Amino acid sequence: MRRSRTSSRTEEFREFATGRAGHLHRAACLLTSGDTHLAEDLVQETLSRMYTVWGRASRIDNPAAYAQAVLVRTFLTHKRRYSASERPLAVLPDAPMPRSGDDPALRLALLEALRELPPKDRVVVVLRYWEDRSVEETADAMNVSSAAVRTRSTRALTKLRERLGGSLTELIAPG
C-alpha cells in the first residue's frame, strides 16, 4: 500500500515538473539576465524543494504559483549568498541561438539592462511584466509588502527607461 502511494506521488510530481520546467526555466533565465547555466541550477533546486513538499501539495492551493515563489526565493538567496564573491563577465560564454523572428541586439540590450538592476528589482520586473502578476501576487512571492513592490517597480522601470531610452526605439525599428 505504501509503495503504490509513493509511486503515485512520484508520478504526479513527474507530471507537474515536466509541465512546469520550461516555464520555470524561462523565468529563471530572465531573473539571471540570460545566465542559462545558473537558471538550470535554480530550476533544479526549485523542483527538488517542490518534491520535498509534494506530499503536502494538497494543502497548496496553486502548486504552479508556489513553485514560482520557490524559484524567486531561491534566486534571491543565491544572489545574497554569492554577491560578494562572484563577478559578472562582460561577455557571456554561451549565448543561445536566436530563434527566427528574434532580434539578437534587442535581446542582448534587454538582458544587459536587466543585469544592471539589483536582484529584487529584477524579480519585480520579471514577475510583474513578464509573468503578468498582480502587485499582491508579486509581493506574496517575494515575501514583501505591496508598497515595496510598487516602489521597486517604479525604480526598476525608471532605470530601464534610462538605460534603454532612445536605443530601444532604434533596436525595435526595422533596419
N, C-alpha and C. Protein backbone atom coordinates (compact mmCIF):
# COMPACT_ATOMS: atom_id res chain seq x y z
N MET A 1 0.82 -1.19 0.00
CA MET A 1 0.00 0.00 0.00
C MET A 1 0.87 1.26 0.00
N ARG A 2 1.87 1.28 0.89
CA ARG A 2 2.74 2.45 0.98
C ARG A 2 3.54 2.64 -0.31
N ARG A 3 4.01 1.57 -0.89
CA ARG A 3 4.80 1.65 -2.11
C ARG A 3 3.98 2.24 -3.25
N SER A 4 2.74 1.83 -3.43
CA SER A 4 1.94 2.36 -4.53
C SER A 4 1.61 3.83 -4.32
N ARG A 5 1.43 4.23 -3.07
CA ARG A 5 1.17 5.64 -2.78
C ARG A 5 2.40 6.48 -3.10
N THR A 6 3.58 5.96 -2.78
CA THR A 6 4.83 6.66 -3.08
C THR A 6 5.05 6.76 -4.59
N SER A 7 4.81 5.67 -5.31
CA SER A 7 5.00 5.72 -6.76
C SER A 7 3.96 6.62 -7.41
N SER A 8 2.75 6.65 -6.86
CA SER A 8 1.73 7.57 -7.38
C SER A 8 2.15 9.02 -7.15
N ARG A 9 2.68 9.29 -5.95
CA ARG A 9 3.15 10.63 -5.62
C ARG A 9 4.29 11.04 -6.55
N THR A 10 5.20 10.12 -6.79
CA THR A 10 6.33 10.39 -7.68
C THR A 10 5.85 10.66 -9.10
N GLU A 11 4.90 9.88 -9.56
CA GLU A 11 4.38 10.07 -10.92
C GLU A 11 3.65 11.41 -11.05
N GLU A 12 2.87 11.78 -10.03
CA GLU A 12 2.18 13.08 -10.05
C GLU A 12 3.19 14.21 -10.09
N PHE A 13 4.26 14.09 -9.28
CA PHE A 13 5.28 15.13 -9.29
C PHE A 13 5.99 15.19 -10.63
N ARG A 14 6.28 14.04 -11.20
CA ARG A 14 6.95 13.99 -12.50
C ARG A 14 6.12 14.73 -13.55
N GLU A 15 4.82 14.52 -13.55
CA GLU A 15 3.93 15.22 -14.50
C GLU A 15 3.97 16.73 -14.25
N PHE A 16 3.90 17.12 -12.97
CA PHE A 16 3.95 18.53 -12.63
C PHE A 16 5.27 19.15 -13.09
N ALA A 17 6.38 18.49 -12.76
CA ALA A 17 7.71 19.02 -13.09
C ALA A 17 7.89 19.11 -14.60
N THR A 18 7.44 18.11 -15.32
CA THR A 18 7.56 18.13 -16.78
C THR A 18 6.76 19.28 -17.37
N GLY A 19 5.58 19.51 -16.83
CA GLY A 19 4.72 20.57 -17.34
C GLY A 19 5.19 21.97 -17.00
N ARG A 20 5.88 22.15 -15.86
CA ARG A 20 6.27 23.48 -15.41
C ARG A 20 7.74 23.82 -15.66
N ALA A 21 8.56 22.84 -15.97
CA ALA A 21 10.01 23.08 -16.07
C ALA A 21 10.35 24.15 -17.11
N GLY A 22 9.72 24.10 -18.26
CA GLY A 22 10.01 25.09 -19.30
C GLY A 22 9.66 26.50 -18.86
N HIS A 23 8.51 26.64 -18.24
CA HIS A 23 8.07 27.96 -17.77
C HIS A 23 9.02 28.47 -16.68
N LEU A 24 9.36 27.60 -15.74
CA LEU A 24 10.29 27.99 -14.68
C LEU A 24 11.66 28.37 -15.25
N HIS A 25 12.11 27.63 -16.26
CA HIS A 25 13.41 27.92 -16.86
C HIS A 25 13.40 29.28 -17.56
N ARG A 26 12.34 29.59 -18.29
CA ARG A 26 12.27 30.90 -18.94
C ARG A 26 12.30 32.03 -17.91
N ALA A 27 11.54 31.88 -16.84
CA ALA A 27 11.54 32.90 -15.79
C ALA A 27 12.93 32.99 -15.14
N ALA A 28 13.56 31.85 -14.89
CA ALA A 28 14.88 31.85 -14.28
C ALA A 28 15.91 32.50 -15.20
N CYS A 29 15.79 32.29 -16.50
CA CYS A 29 16.71 32.95 -17.45
C CYS A 29 16.58 34.46 -17.37
N LEU A 30 15.38 34.94 -17.23
CA LEU A 30 15.19 36.38 -17.09
C LEU A 30 15.73 36.88 -15.76
N LEU A 31 15.48 36.14 -14.70
CA LEU A 31 15.99 36.54 -13.39
C LEU A 31 17.50 36.60 -13.38
N THR A 32 18.15 35.69 -14.07
CA THR A 32 19.61 35.62 -14.09
C THR A 32 20.22 36.42 -15.23
N SER A 33 19.41 37.18 -15.94
CA SER A 33 19.86 38.02 -17.06
C SER A 33 20.54 37.20 -18.14
N GLY A 34 19.99 36.04 -18.42
CA GLY A 34 20.49 35.24 -19.53
C GLY A 34 21.52 34.19 -19.16
N ASP A 35 21.84 34.04 -17.88
CA ASP A 35 22.79 33.01 -17.46
C ASP A 35 22.05 31.67 -17.42
N THR A 36 22.09 30.95 -18.54
CA THR A 36 21.31 29.73 -18.67
C THR A 36 21.77 28.63 -17.72
N HIS A 37 23.05 28.61 -17.42
CA HIS A 37 23.57 27.59 -16.50
C HIS A 37 23.05 27.81 -15.08
N LEU A 38 23.09 29.06 -14.63
CA LEU A 38 22.54 29.37 -13.31
C LEU A 38 21.03 29.15 -13.31
N ALA A 39 20.37 29.50 -14.40
CA ALA A 39 18.92 29.28 -14.50
C ALA A 39 18.59 27.81 -14.33
N GLU A 40 19.36 26.94 -14.98
CA GLU A 40 19.12 25.50 -14.85
C GLU A 40 19.33 25.05 -13.41
N ASP A 41 20.35 25.59 -12.75
CA ASP A 41 20.60 25.24 -11.34
C ASP A 41 19.43 25.69 -10.46
N LEU A 42 18.93 26.90 -10.71
CA LEU A 42 17.82 27.41 -9.91
C LEU A 42 16.55 26.57 -10.11
N VAL A 43 16.29 26.17 -11.35
CA VAL A 43 15.11 25.33 -11.62
C VAL A 43 15.27 23.98 -10.95
N GLN A 44 16.45 23.41 -11.01
CA GLN A 44 16.69 22.12 -10.36
C GLN A 44 16.49 22.24 -8.85
N GLU A 45 17.01 23.28 -8.26
CA GLU A 45 16.84 23.50 -6.82
C GLU A 45 15.36 23.71 -6.49
N THR A 46 14.66 24.47 -7.32
CA THR A 46 13.23 24.71 -7.10
C THR A 46 12.45 23.40 -7.15
N LEU A 47 12.71 22.60 -8.16
CA LEU A 47 11.97 21.34 -8.30
C LEU A 47 12.32 20.37 -7.18
N SER A 48 13.55 20.37 -6.72
CA SER A 48 13.89 19.48 -5.61
C SER A 48 13.19 19.92 -4.33
N ARG A 49 13.10 21.22 -4.12
CA ARG A 49 12.36 21.72 -2.95
C ARG A 49 10.87 21.42 -3.08
N MET A 50 10.36 21.53 -4.28
CA MET A 50 8.94 21.20 -4.50
C MET A 50 8.68 19.73 -4.22
N TYR A 51 9.61 18.86 -4.59
CA TYR A 51 9.41 17.43 -4.37
C TYR A 51 9.32 17.11 -2.89
N THR A 52 10.11 17.82 -2.08
CA THR A 52 10.09 17.54 -0.64
C THR A 52 8.76 17.90 0.01
N VAL A 53 8.03 18.85 -0.57
CA VAL A 53 6.73 19.22 -0.01
C VAL A 53 5.57 18.64 -0.82
N TRP A 54 5.88 17.86 -1.84
CA TRP A 54 4.84 17.38 -2.75
C TRP A 54 3.78 16.55 -2.03
N GLY A 55 4.14 15.79 -1.03
CA GLY A 55 3.16 15.00 -0.28
C GLY A 55 2.14 15.88 0.41
N ARG A 56 2.54 17.10 0.69
CA ARG A 56 1.63 18.06 1.32
C ARG A 56 1.02 19.00 0.28
N ALA A 57 1.18 18.66 -1.00
CA ALA A 57 0.72 19.54 -2.08
C ALA A 57 -0.78 19.76 -2.04
N SER A 58 -1.51 18.83 -1.44
CA SER A 58 -2.96 19.01 -1.37
C SER A 58 -3.30 20.25 -0.54
N ARG A 59 -2.38 20.66 0.33
CA ARG A 59 -2.61 21.87 1.12
C ARG A 59 -2.15 23.13 0.38
N ILE A 60 -1.48 22.95 -0.75
CA ILE A 60 -1.04 24.09 -1.56
C ILE A 60 -2.13 24.35 -2.59
N ASP A 61 -2.73 25.54 -2.53
CA ASP A 61 -3.83 25.87 -3.43
C ASP A 61 -3.41 25.86 -4.89
N ASN A 62 -2.25 26.45 -5.18
CA ASN A 62 -1.80 26.58 -6.56
C ASN A 62 -0.33 26.16 -6.64
N PRO A 63 -0.06 24.89 -6.95
CA PRO A 63 1.33 24.42 -6.98
C PRO A 63 2.21 25.19 -7.97
N ALA A 64 1.65 25.65 -9.09
CA ALA A 64 2.45 26.40 -10.07
C ALA A 64 2.90 27.73 -9.48
N ALA A 65 2.01 28.43 -8.81
CA ALA A 65 2.37 29.70 -8.18
C ALA A 65 3.34 29.47 -7.03
N TYR A 66 3.14 28.39 -6.30
CA TYR A 66 4.06 28.04 -5.21
C TYR A 66 5.46 27.77 -5.76
N ALA A 67 5.53 27.05 -6.87
CA ALA A 67 6.83 26.77 -7.50
C ALA A 67 7.50 28.06 -7.94
N GLN A 68 6.72 29.00 -8.48
CA GLN A 68 7.27 30.29 -8.90
C GLN A 68 7.82 31.05 -7.70
N ALA A 69 7.10 31.00 -6.58
CA ALA A 69 7.57 31.67 -5.36
C ALA A 69 8.86 31.01 -4.86
N VAL A 70 8.93 29.70 -4.92
CA VAL A 70 10.15 28.99 -4.52
C VAL A 70 11.31 29.40 -5.43
N LEU A 71 11.06 29.51 -6.73
CA LEU A 71 12.10 29.94 -7.68
C LEU A 71 12.61 31.33 -7.32
N VAL A 72 11.71 32.26 -7.07
CA VAL A 72 12.10 33.63 -6.73
C VAL A 72 12.94 33.64 -5.46
N ARG A 73 12.49 32.93 -4.45
CA ARG A 73 13.22 32.92 -3.18
C ARG A 73 14.57 32.23 -3.33
N THR A 74 14.64 31.20 -4.14
CA THR A 74 15.91 30.52 -4.40
C THR A 74 16.88 31.47 -5.10
N PHE A 75 16.37 32.22 -6.08
CA PHE A 75 17.19 33.21 -6.78
C PHE A 75 17.71 34.27 -5.82
N LEU A 76 16.82 34.84 -5.00
CA LEU A 76 17.24 35.89 -4.08
C LEU A 76 18.26 35.36 -3.06
N THR A 77 18.06 34.14 -2.58
CA THR A 77 19.02 33.53 -1.66
C THR A 77 20.37 33.36 -2.35
N HIS A 78 20.35 32.90 -3.59
CA HIS A 78 21.59 32.75 -4.35
C HIS A 78 22.30 34.09 -4.49
N LYS A 79 21.57 35.14 -4.82
CA LYS A 79 22.19 36.45 -5.01
C LYS A 79 22.80 36.96 -3.70
N ARG A 80 22.12 36.73 -2.58
CA ARG A 80 22.68 37.16 -1.29
C ARG A 80 23.94 36.36 -0.97
N ARG A 81 23.89 35.08 -1.22
CA ARG A 81 24.99 34.18 -0.87
C ARG A 81 26.24 34.46 -1.69
N TYR A 82 26.08 34.72 -2.97
CA TYR A 82 27.24 34.83 -3.87
C TYR A 82 27.54 36.26 -4.33
N SER A 83 26.83 37.24 -3.81
CA SER A 83 27.02 38.60 -4.32
C SER A 83 28.41 39.15 -4.06
N ALA A 84 29.07 38.73 -3.00
CA ALA A 84 30.39 39.28 -2.68
C ALA A 84 31.52 38.55 -3.39
N SER A 85 31.30 37.31 -3.81
CA SER A 85 32.41 36.53 -4.34
C SER A 85 32.42 36.38 -5.85
N GLU A 86 31.32 36.53 -6.51
CA GLU A 86 31.28 36.34 -7.96
C GLU A 86 31.21 37.68 -8.67
N ARG A 87 31.84 37.75 -9.80
CA ARG A 87 31.83 38.96 -10.62
C ARG A 87 31.24 38.62 -11.98
N PRO A 88 30.38 39.48 -12.51
CA PRO A 88 29.81 39.20 -13.83
C PRO A 88 30.85 39.36 -14.93
N LEU A 89 30.70 38.60 -15.98
CA LEU A 89 31.58 38.70 -17.14
C LEU A 89 31.04 39.73 -18.11
N ALA A 90 31.93 40.33 -18.87
CA ALA A 90 31.50 41.30 -19.87
C ALA A 90 30.76 40.61 -21.01
N VAL A 91 31.17 39.39 -21.33
CA VAL A 91 30.56 38.64 -22.41
C VAL A 91 30.15 37.27 -21.87
N LEU A 92 28.94 36.85 -22.17
CA LEU A 92 28.51 35.53 -21.74
C LEU A 92 29.24 34.47 -22.56
N PRO A 93 29.73 33.42 -21.93
CA PRO A 93 30.46 32.40 -22.66
C PRO A 93 29.58 31.60 -23.62
N ASP A 94 28.34 31.37 -23.24
CA ASP A 94 27.40 30.64 -24.10
C ASP A 94 26.20 31.53 -24.37
N ALA A 95 25.93 31.79 -25.59
CA ALA A 95 24.75 32.56 -25.95
C ALA A 95 23.78 31.64 -26.68
N PRO A 96 22.51 31.66 -26.30
CA PRO A 96 21.56 30.79 -27.00
C PRO A 96 21.42 31.22 -28.46
N MET A 97 21.16 30.26 -29.30
CA MET A 97 20.94 30.56 -30.72
C MET A 97 19.64 31.32 -30.87
N PRO A 98 19.64 32.41 -31.61
CA PRO A 98 18.40 33.16 -31.77
C PRO A 98 17.38 32.36 -32.58
N ARG A 99 16.14 32.46 -32.16
CA ARG A 99 15.06 31.83 -32.91
C ARG A 99 14.66 32.77 -34.03
N SER A 100 14.04 32.22 -35.04
CA SER A 100 13.63 33.08 -36.16
C SER A 100 12.65 34.11 -35.64
N GLY A 101 12.81 35.34 -36.06
CA GLY A 101 11.95 36.42 -35.64
C GLY A 101 12.50 37.17 -34.43
N ASP A 102 13.49 36.61 -33.73
CA ASP A 102 14.09 37.28 -32.59
C ASP A 102 15.14 38.27 -33.10
N ASP A 103 15.26 39.37 -32.39
CA ASP A 103 16.29 40.34 -32.69
C ASP A 103 17.39 40.20 -31.64
N PRO A 104 18.54 39.64 -32.01
CA PRO A 104 19.60 39.40 -31.02
C PRO A 104 20.07 40.69 -30.34
N ALA A 105 20.13 41.79 -31.06
CA ALA A 105 20.59 43.04 -30.46
C ALA A 105 19.62 43.51 -29.38
N LEU A 106 18.33 43.38 -29.66
CA LEU A 106 17.32 43.77 -28.68
C LEU A 106 17.40 42.85 -27.46
N ARG A 107 17.51 41.56 -27.70
CA ARG A 107 17.59 40.59 -26.60
C ARG A 107 18.79 40.90 -25.71
N LEU A 108 19.95 41.15 -26.31
CA LEU A 108 21.15 41.43 -25.52
C LEU A 108 21.03 42.75 -24.76
N ALA A 109 20.43 43.75 -25.40
CA ALA A 109 20.25 45.04 -24.72
C ALA A 109 19.32 44.88 -23.52
N LEU A 110 18.25 44.13 -23.68
CA LEU A 110 17.31 43.92 -22.57
C LEU A 110 17.95 43.11 -21.45
N LEU A 111 18.68 42.05 -21.81
CA LEU A 111 19.34 41.24 -20.78
C LEU A 111 20.40 42.05 -20.04
N GLU A 112 21.14 42.87 -20.76
CA GLU A 112 22.15 43.72 -20.12
C GLU A 112 21.50 44.72 -19.18
N ALA A 113 20.39 45.32 -19.61
CA ALA A 113 19.68 46.27 -18.76
C ALA A 113 19.13 45.56 -17.52
N LEU A 114 18.59 44.37 -17.68
CA LEU A 114 18.10 43.60 -16.53
C LEU A 114 19.25 43.27 -15.59
N ARG A 115 20.39 42.91 -16.13
CA ARG A 115 21.56 42.54 -15.32
C ARG A 115 21.99 43.69 -14.42
N GLU A 116 21.82 44.92 -14.88
CA GLU A 116 22.25 46.07 -14.11
C GLU A 116 21.30 46.41 -12.96
N LEU A 117 20.10 45.84 -12.96
CA LEU A 117 19.16 46.08 -11.87
C LEU A 117 19.57 45.25 -10.65
N PRO A 118 19.30 45.78 -9.46
CA PRO A 118 19.50 44.96 -8.26
C PRO A 118 18.60 43.72 -8.33
N PRO A 119 18.99 42.63 -7.71
CA PRO A 119 18.22 41.38 -7.81
C PRO A 119 16.74 41.51 -7.47
N LYS A 120 16.40 42.21 -6.42
CA LYS A 120 14.98 42.33 -6.04
C LYS A 120 14.20 43.15 -7.06
N ASP A 121 14.83 44.19 -7.62
CA ASP A 121 14.16 44.97 -8.67
C ASP A 121 13.95 44.10 -9.91
N ARG A 122 14.94 43.27 -10.23
CA ARG A 122 14.84 42.36 -11.36
C ARG A 122 13.69 41.38 -11.17
N VAL A 123 13.56 40.87 -9.94
CA VAL A 123 12.45 39.95 -9.64
C VAL A 123 11.12 40.63 -9.87
N VAL A 124 11.00 41.87 -9.41
CA VAL A 124 9.74 42.61 -9.59
C VAL A 124 9.42 42.77 -11.08
N VAL A 125 10.40 43.15 -11.88
CA VAL A 125 10.18 43.33 -13.32
C VAL A 125 9.74 42.02 -13.96
N VAL A 126 10.44 40.94 -13.64
CA VAL A 126 10.11 39.65 -14.25
C VAL A 126 8.71 39.21 -13.84
N LEU A 127 8.40 39.27 -12.55
CA LEU A 127 7.08 38.80 -12.10
C LEU A 127 5.95 39.71 -12.57
N ARG A 128 6.15 41.01 -12.48
CA ARG A 128 5.06 41.93 -12.84
C ARG A 128 4.84 42.02 -14.35
N TYR A 129 5.93 42.10 -15.12
CA TYR A 129 5.78 42.41 -16.54
C TYR A 129 6.03 41.23 -17.46
N TRP A 130 6.78 40.24 -17.04
CA TRP A 130 6.96 39.04 -17.85
C TRP A 130 5.92 38.01 -17.49
N GLU A 131 5.74 37.78 -16.18
CA GLU A 131 4.76 36.80 -15.70
C GLU A 131 3.36 37.39 -15.63
N ASP A 132 3.24 38.71 -15.76
CA ASP A 132 1.96 39.41 -15.71
C ASP A 132 1.21 39.14 -14.40
N ARG A 133 1.93 39.25 -13.31
CA ARG A 133 1.33 39.05 -12.00
C ARG A 133 0.89 40.37 -11.40
N SER A 134 -0.07 40.29 -10.52
CA SER A 134 -0.54 41.49 -9.83
C SER A 134 0.49 41.92 -8.79
N VAL A 135 0.32 43.12 -8.27
CA VAL A 135 1.20 43.62 -7.22
C VAL A 135 1.14 42.69 -6.01
N GLU A 136 -0.07 42.27 -5.65
CA GLU A 136 -0.25 41.41 -4.48
C GLU A 136 0.41 40.03 -4.68
N GLU A 137 0.26 39.46 -5.87
CA GLU A 137 0.89 38.16 -6.15
C GLU A 137 2.41 38.28 -6.10
N THR A 138 2.93 39.36 -6.65
CA THR A 138 4.37 39.59 -6.63
C THR A 138 4.86 39.77 -5.20
N ALA A 139 4.13 40.55 -4.42
CA ALA A 139 4.50 40.77 -3.02
C ALA A 139 4.50 39.45 -2.25
N ASP A 140 3.51 38.62 -2.51
CA ASP A 140 3.44 37.33 -1.84
C ASP A 140 4.61 36.43 -2.23
N ALA A 141 4.94 36.40 -3.51
CA ALA A 141 6.06 35.57 -3.97
C ALA A 141 7.38 36.04 -3.38
N MET A 142 7.53 37.34 -3.20
CA MET A 142 8.79 37.89 -2.68
C MET A 142 8.80 38.01 -1.16
N ASN A 143 7.63 37.80 -0.56
CA ASN A 143 7.50 37.92 0.89
C ASN A 143 7.79 39.35 1.36
N VAL A 144 7.23 40.32 0.62
CA VAL A 144 7.36 41.73 0.96
C VAL A 144 5.98 42.38 0.87
N SER A 145 5.89 43.65 1.22
CA SER A 145 4.61 44.35 1.16
C SER A 145 4.30 44.79 -0.27
N SER A 146 3.03 45.08 -0.52
CA SER A 146 2.63 45.60 -1.83
C SER A 146 3.28 46.95 -2.11
N ALA A 147 3.44 47.76 -1.08
CA ALA A 147 4.09 49.06 -1.25
C ALA A 147 5.54 48.88 -1.71
N ALA A 148 6.21 47.89 -1.17
CA ALA A 148 7.60 47.63 -1.58
C ALA A 148 7.66 47.22 -3.05
N VAL A 149 6.69 46.44 -3.49
CA VAL A 149 6.65 46.02 -4.89
C VAL A 149 6.42 47.23 -5.78
N ARG A 150 5.48 48.09 -5.42
CA ARG A 150 5.22 49.29 -6.23
C ARG A 150 6.45 50.20 -6.28
N THR A 151 7.12 50.38 -5.15
CA THR A 151 8.32 51.22 -5.12
C THR A 151 9.42 50.63 -5.99
N ARG A 152 9.66 49.34 -5.84
CA ARG A 152 10.71 48.68 -6.64
C ARG A 152 10.35 48.70 -8.13
N SER A 153 9.08 48.53 -8.42
CA SER A 153 8.64 48.55 -9.82
C SER A 153 8.92 49.91 -10.45
N THR A 154 8.55 50.97 -9.76
CA THR A 154 8.78 52.32 -10.27
C THR A 154 10.27 52.58 -10.46
N ARG A 155 11.05 52.21 -9.46
CA ARG A 155 12.50 52.43 -9.53
C ARG A 155 13.12 51.62 -10.68
N ALA A 156 12.72 50.35 -10.81
CA ALA A 156 13.29 49.49 -11.85
C ALA A 156 12.92 49.99 -13.24
N LEU A 157 11.66 50.36 -13.43
CA LEU A 157 11.25 50.86 -14.75
C LEU A 157 11.96 52.15 -15.11
N THR A 158 12.17 53.01 -14.13
CA THR A 158 12.92 54.25 -14.38
C THR A 158 14.34 53.94 -14.84
N LYS A 159 14.99 52.99 -14.16
CA LYS A 159 16.35 52.61 -14.54
C LYS A 159 16.38 51.98 -15.93
N LEU A 160 15.39 51.14 -16.23
CA LEU A 160 15.34 50.52 -17.55
C LEU A 160 15.12 51.56 -18.64
N ARG A 161 14.24 52.52 -18.39
CA ARG A 161 13.99 53.58 -19.37
C ARG A 161 15.25 54.43 -19.60
N GLU A 162 15.97 54.73 -18.50
CA GLU A 162 17.21 55.49 -18.64
C GLU A 162 18.23 54.71 -19.47
N ARG A 163 18.32 53.42 -19.20
CA ARG A 163 19.30 52.57 -19.88
C ARG A 163 18.93 52.32 -21.33
N LEU A 164 17.64 52.09 -21.59
CA LEU A 164 17.21 51.69 -22.93
C LEU A 164 16.59 52.82 -23.74
N GLY A 165 16.16 53.85 -23.07
CA GLY A 165 15.51 55.02 -23.67
C GLY A 165 15.44 55.06 -25.18
N GLY A 166 16.29 55.87 -25.82
CA GLY A 166 16.28 56.03 -27.27
C GLY A 166 16.77 54.80 -28.01
N SER A 167 17.67 54.06 -27.41
CA SER A 167 18.23 52.90 -28.11
C SER A 167 17.19 51.80 -28.29
N LEU A 168 16.22 51.74 -27.39
CA LEU A 168 15.18 50.72 -27.52
C LEU A 168 14.37 50.97 -28.78
N THR A 169 14.05 52.22 -29.05
CA THR A 169 13.30 52.53 -30.28
C THR A 169 14.11 52.16 -31.51
N GLU A 170 15.41 52.43 -31.48
CA GLU A 170 16.27 52.08 -32.62
C GLU A 170 16.35 50.59 -32.80
N LEU A 171 16.39 49.84 -31.71
CA LEU A 171 16.50 48.39 -31.80
C LEU A 171 15.24 47.76 -32.36
N ILE A 172 14.10 48.36 -32.04
CA ILE A 172 12.83 47.79 -32.47
C ILE A 172 12.51 48.21 -33.92
N ALA A 173 12.88 49.41 -34.29
CA ALA A 173 12.56 49.92 -35.63
C ALA A 173 13.25 49.06 -36.70
N PRO A 174 12.52 48.72 -37.77
CA PRO A 174 13.14 47.91 -38.82
C PRO A 174 14.30 48.65 -39.48
N GLY A 175 15.38 47.83 -39.80
CA GLY A 175 16.64 48.29 -40.29
C GLY A 175 16.63 49.16 -41.45
